[in-house]
Amino acid sequence: MKSKYDNEMNLEILSKSCNEAFARITVAAFASQLDPTIEEIADIKTAVSEAVTNSIIHGYENGEGIIKINCKIVDKQIIIEISDTGKGIENVDIAKEPLYTTKADLERSRNGLYHNGKLYG
């Protein structure tokens, strides 16, 4: 039976900050089969890093959980989905506001939010 994707990868990691670099490098390695530019790899690493960090800091806060990463290659494009089952965002409309953060005391705040097909940040 033929897959509808050219290739696919699934990764599950614990929501520990030491796993952020592992996730970033793993997704970049998977994407390398598309022969991306250095800039494209840098963008992929940044996006993965931000999403995983958001899951760790905001989704699970002081607890632990699983972060799921699914990557698909179809028609020479990569689709990257990163999800968690953390606490979520109470009000997405407010969270879309520029520089909105629930963790103002942290160095990294409001670097990106993806919702319903749009990147906010």
C-alpha atoms as a PDB file:
ATOM      1  CA  MET A   1       0.000   0.000   0.000  1.00  0.00           C
ATOM      2  CA  LYS A   2       1.480   3.345  -1.071  1.00  0.00           C
ATOM      3  CA  SER A   3       1.720   6.146   1.494  1.00  0.00           C
ATOM      4  CA  LYS A   4       0.287   9.525   0.558  1.00  0.00           C
ATOM      5  CA  TYR A   5       3.557  11.047   1.819  1.00  0.00           C
ATOM      6  CA  ASP A   6       6.970  10.725   0.248  1.00  0.00           C
ATOM      7  CA  ASN A   7       8.379  10.222   3.753  1.00  0.00           C
ATOM      8  CA  GLU A   8       7.243  10.633   7.350  1.00  0.00           C
ATOM      9  CA  MET A   9       8.806  10.754  10.814  1.00  0.00           C
ATOM     10  CA  ASN A  10       7.312  10.753  14.310  1.00  0.00           C
ATOM     11  CA  LEU A  11       9.190  11.691  17.457  1.00  0.00           C
ATOM     12  CA  GLU A  12       8.045  11.855  21.074  1.00  0.00           C
ATOM     13  CA  ILE A  13      10.170  13.550  23.715  1.00  0.00           C
ATOM     14  CA  LEU A  14       9.762  14.447  27.369  1.00  0.00           C
ATOM     15  CA  SER A  15       9.144  18.134  27.985  1.00  0.00           C
ATOM     16  CA  LYS A  16      12.641  18.752  29.322  1.00  0.00           C
ATOM     17  CA  SER A  17      14.747  21.649  28.102  1.00  0.00           C
ATOM     18  CA  CYS A  18      17.637  19.295  27.319  1.00  0.00           C
ATOM     19  CA  ASN A  19      15.454  17.702  24.605  1.00  0.00           C
ATOM     20  CA  GLU A  20      14.908  20.959  22.696  1.00  0.00           C
ATOM     21  CA  ALA A  21      18.253  20.725  20.882  1.00  0.00           C
ATOM     22  CA  PHE A  22      17.657  17.039  20.093  1.00  0.00           C
ATOM     23  CA  ALA A  23      14.271  17.871  18.513  1.00  0.00           C
ATOM     24  CA  ARG A  24      15.740  20.765  16.524  1.00  0.00           C
ATOM     25  CA  ILE A  25      18.607  18.694  15.124  1.00  0.00           C
ATOM     26  CA  THR A  26      16.433  15.653  14.397  1.00  0.00           C
ATOM     27  CA  VAL A  27      13.910  17.653  12.370  1.00  0.00           C
ATOM     28  CA  ALA A  28      16.715  19.453  10.515  1.00  0.00           C
ATOM     29  CA  ALA A  29      18.286  16.092   9.649  1.00  0.00           C
ATOM     30  CA  PHE A  30      14.935  14.804   8.360  1.00  0.00           C
ATOM     31  CA  ALA A  31      14.483  17.966   6.274  1.00  0.00           C
ATOM     32  CA  SER A  32      17.962  17.610   4.774  1.00  0.00           C
ATOM     33  CA  GLN A  33      16.673  15.050   2.260  1.00  0.00           C
ATOM     34  CA  LEU A  34      15.015  18.003   0.465  1.00  0.00           C
ATOM     35  CA  ASP A  35      18.445  19.633  -0.023  1.00  0.00           C
ATOM     36  CA  PRO A  36      17.434  22.912   1.656  1.00  0.00           C
ATOM     37  CA  THR A  37      19.559  26.050   1.783  1.00  0.00           C
ATOM     38  CA  ILE A  38      21.436  26.967   4.950  1.00  0.00           C
ATOM     39  CA  GLU A  39      18.857  29.700   5.569  1.00  0.00           C
ATOM     40  CA  GLU A  40      15.966  27.240   5.229  1.00  0.00           C
ATOM     41  CA  ILE A  41      17.589  24.839   7.703  1.00  0.00           C
ATOM     42  CA  ALA A  42      18.144  27.754  10.105  1.00  0.00           C
ATOM     43  CA  ASP A  43      14.459  28.731   9.800  1.00  0.00           C
ATOM     44  CA  ILE A  44      13.350  25.148  10.451  1.00  0.00           C
ATOM     45  CA  LYS A  45      15.612  24.875  13.501  1.00  0.00           C
ATOM     46  CA  THR A  46      14.298  28.183  14.864  1.00  0.00           C
ATOM     47  CA  ALA A  47      10.649  27.222  14.371  1.00  0.00           C
ATOM     48  CA  VAL A  48      11.117  23.822  16.015  1.00  0.00           C
ATOM     49  CA  SER A  49      13.085  25.347  18.873  1.00  0.00           C
ATOM     50  CA  GLU A  50      10.395  27.958  19.547  1.00  0.00           C
ATOM     51  CA  ALA A  51       7.527  25.472  19.408  1.00  0.00           C
ATOM     52  CA  VAL A  52       9.228  22.939  21.675  1.00  0.00           C
ATOM     53  CA  THR A  53      10.285  25.669  24.116  1.00  0.00           C
ATOM     54  CA  ASN A  54       6.711  27.011  24.208  1.00  0.00           C
ATOM     55  CA  SER A  55       5.445  23.522  25.019  1.00  0.00           C
ATOM     56  CA  ILE A  56       7.966  23.159  27.835  1.00  0.00           C
ATOM     57  CA  ILE A  57       7.525  26.617  29.362  1.00  0.00           C
ATOM     58  CA  HIS A  58       3.842  27.288  28.764  1.00  0.00           C
ATOM     59  CA  GLY A  59       2.210  23.937  28.145  1.00  0.00           C
ATOM     60  CA  TYR A  60       3.669  21.922  30.963  1.00  0.00           C
ATOM     61  CA  GLU A  61       5.121  24.708  33.141  1.00  0.00           C
ATOM     62  CA  ASN A  62       6.757  22.955  36.091  1.00  0.00           C
ATOM     63  CA  GLY A  63       5.499  19.477  35.231  1.00  0.00           C
ATOM     64  CA  GLU A  64       6.469  16.950  32.628  1.00  0.00           C
ATOM     65  CA  GLY A  65       4.598  15.690  29.622  1.00  0.00           C
ATOM     66  CA  ILE A  66       5.120  14.427  26.110  1.00  0.00           C
ATOM     67  CA  ILE A  67       5.824  16.639  23.127  1.00  0.00           C
ATOM     68  CA  LYS A  68       4.960  15.021  19.792  1.00  0.00           C
ATOM     69  CA  ILE A  69       6.679  15.971  16.565  1.00  0.00           C
ATOM     70  CA  ASN A  70       5.391  14.748  13.212  1.00  0.00           C
ATOM     71  CA  CYS A  71       7.219  15.581   9.987  1.00  0.00           C
ATOM     72  CA  LYS A  72       5.966  14.745   6.526  1.00  0.00           C
ATOM     73  CA  ILE A  73       7.504  15.297   3.143  1.00  0.00           C
ATOM     74  CA  VAL A  74       5.076  15.582   0.274  1.00  0.00           C
ATOM     75  CA  ASP A  75       5.667  17.078  -3.173  1.00  0.00           C
ATOM     76  CA  LYS A  76       9.119  18.383  -2.180  1.00  0.00           C
ATOM     77  CA  GLN A  77       7.711  20.279   0.826  1.00  0.00           C
ATOM     78  CA  ILE A  78       8.017  19.578   4.531  1.00  0.00           C
ATOM     79  CA  ILE A  79       5.120  19.747   6.962  1.00  0.00           C
ATOM     80  CA  ILE A  80       6.109  19.945  10.626  1.00  0.00           C
ATOM     81  CA  GLU A  81       3.521  19.512  13.383  1.00  0.00           C
ATOM     82  CA  ILE A  82       4.461  19.924  17.028  1.00  0.00           C
ATOM     83  CA  SER A  83       1.875  19.246  19.705  1.00  0.00           C
ATOM     84  CA  ASP A  84       1.487  18.742  23.414  1.00  0.00           C
ATOM     85  CA  THR A  85      -1.362  18.057  25.809  1.00  0.00           C
ATOM     86  CA  GLY A  86      -0.414  20.830  28.214  1.00  0.00           C
ATOM     87  CA  LYS A  87      -2.707  23.456  29.655  1.00  0.00           C
ATOM     88  CA  GLY A  88      -3.334  25.348  26.414  1.00  0.00           C
ATOM     89  CA  ILE A  89      -4.175  28.993  25.816  1.00  0.00           C
ATOM     90  CA  GLU A  90      -7.216  30.396  27.582  1.00  0.00           C
ATOM     91  CA  ASN A  91      -7.910  33.241  25.154  1.00  0.00           C
ATOM     92  CA  VAL A  92      -6.321  32.845  21.721  1.00  0.00           C
ATOM     93  CA  ASP A  93      -7.468  36.290  20.545  1.00  0.00           C
ATOM     94  CA  ILE A  94      -5.579  38.018  23.356  1.00  0.00           C
ATOM     95  CA  ALA A  95      -2.573  35.757  22.791  1.00  0.00           C
ATOM     96  CA  LYS A  96      -2.378  37.007  19.170  1.00  0.00           C
ATOM     97  CA  GLU A  97      -1.580  40.532  20.361  1.00  0.00           C
ATOM     98  CA  PRO A  98       1.997  41.649  19.606  1.00  0.00           C
ATOM     99  CA  LEU A  99       4.434  40.892  22.425  1.00  0.00           C
ATOM    100  CA  TYR A 100       1.748  39.169  24.520  1.00  0.00           C
ATOM    101  CA  THR A 101       3.249  36.839  27.088  1.00  0.00           C
ATOM    102  CA  THR A 102       2.210  35.064  30.249  1.00  0.00           C
ATOM    103  CA  LYS A 103       5.851  34.803  31.355  1.00  0.00           C
ATOM    104  CA  ALA A 104       7.163  38.390  31.229  1.00  0.00           C
ATOM    105  CA  ASP A 105       9.905  37.523  33.713  1.00  0.00           C
ATOM    106  CA  LEU A 106      11.529  35.073  31.292  1.00  0.00           C
ATOM    107  CA  GLU A 107      14.193  36.050  28.756  1.00  0.00           C
ATOM    108  CA  ARG A 108      12.303  34.459  25.866  1.00  0.00           C
ATOM    109  CA  SER A 109       8.816  35.800  25.456  1.00  0.00           C
ATOM    110  CA  ARG A 110       6.315  35.985  22.611  1.00  0.00           C
ATOM    111  CA  ASN A 111       8.436  34.600  19.816  1.00  0.00           C
ATOM    112  CA  GLY A 112       5.603  33.022  17.882  1.00  0.00           C
ATOM    113  CA  LEU A 113       2.172  31.430  18.009  1.00  0.00           C
ATOM    114  CA  TYR A 114       0.690  29.325  15.249  1.00  0.00           C
ATOM    115  CA  HIS A 115      -3.096  28.988  15.172  1.00  0.00           C
ATOM    116  CA  ASN A 116      -5.529  27.971  12.434  1.00  0.00           C
ATOM    117  CA  GLY A 117      -2.968  28.148   9.658  1.00  0.00           C
ATOM    118  CA  LYS A 118      -1.403  31.497  10.594  1.00  0.00           C
ATOM    119  CA  LEU A 119       1.855  32.333  12.356  1.00  0.00           C
ATOM    120  CA  TYR A 120       1.580  35.060  14.956  1.00  0.00           C
ATOM    121  CA  GLY A 121       4.581  36.615  16.583  1.00  0.00           C
END
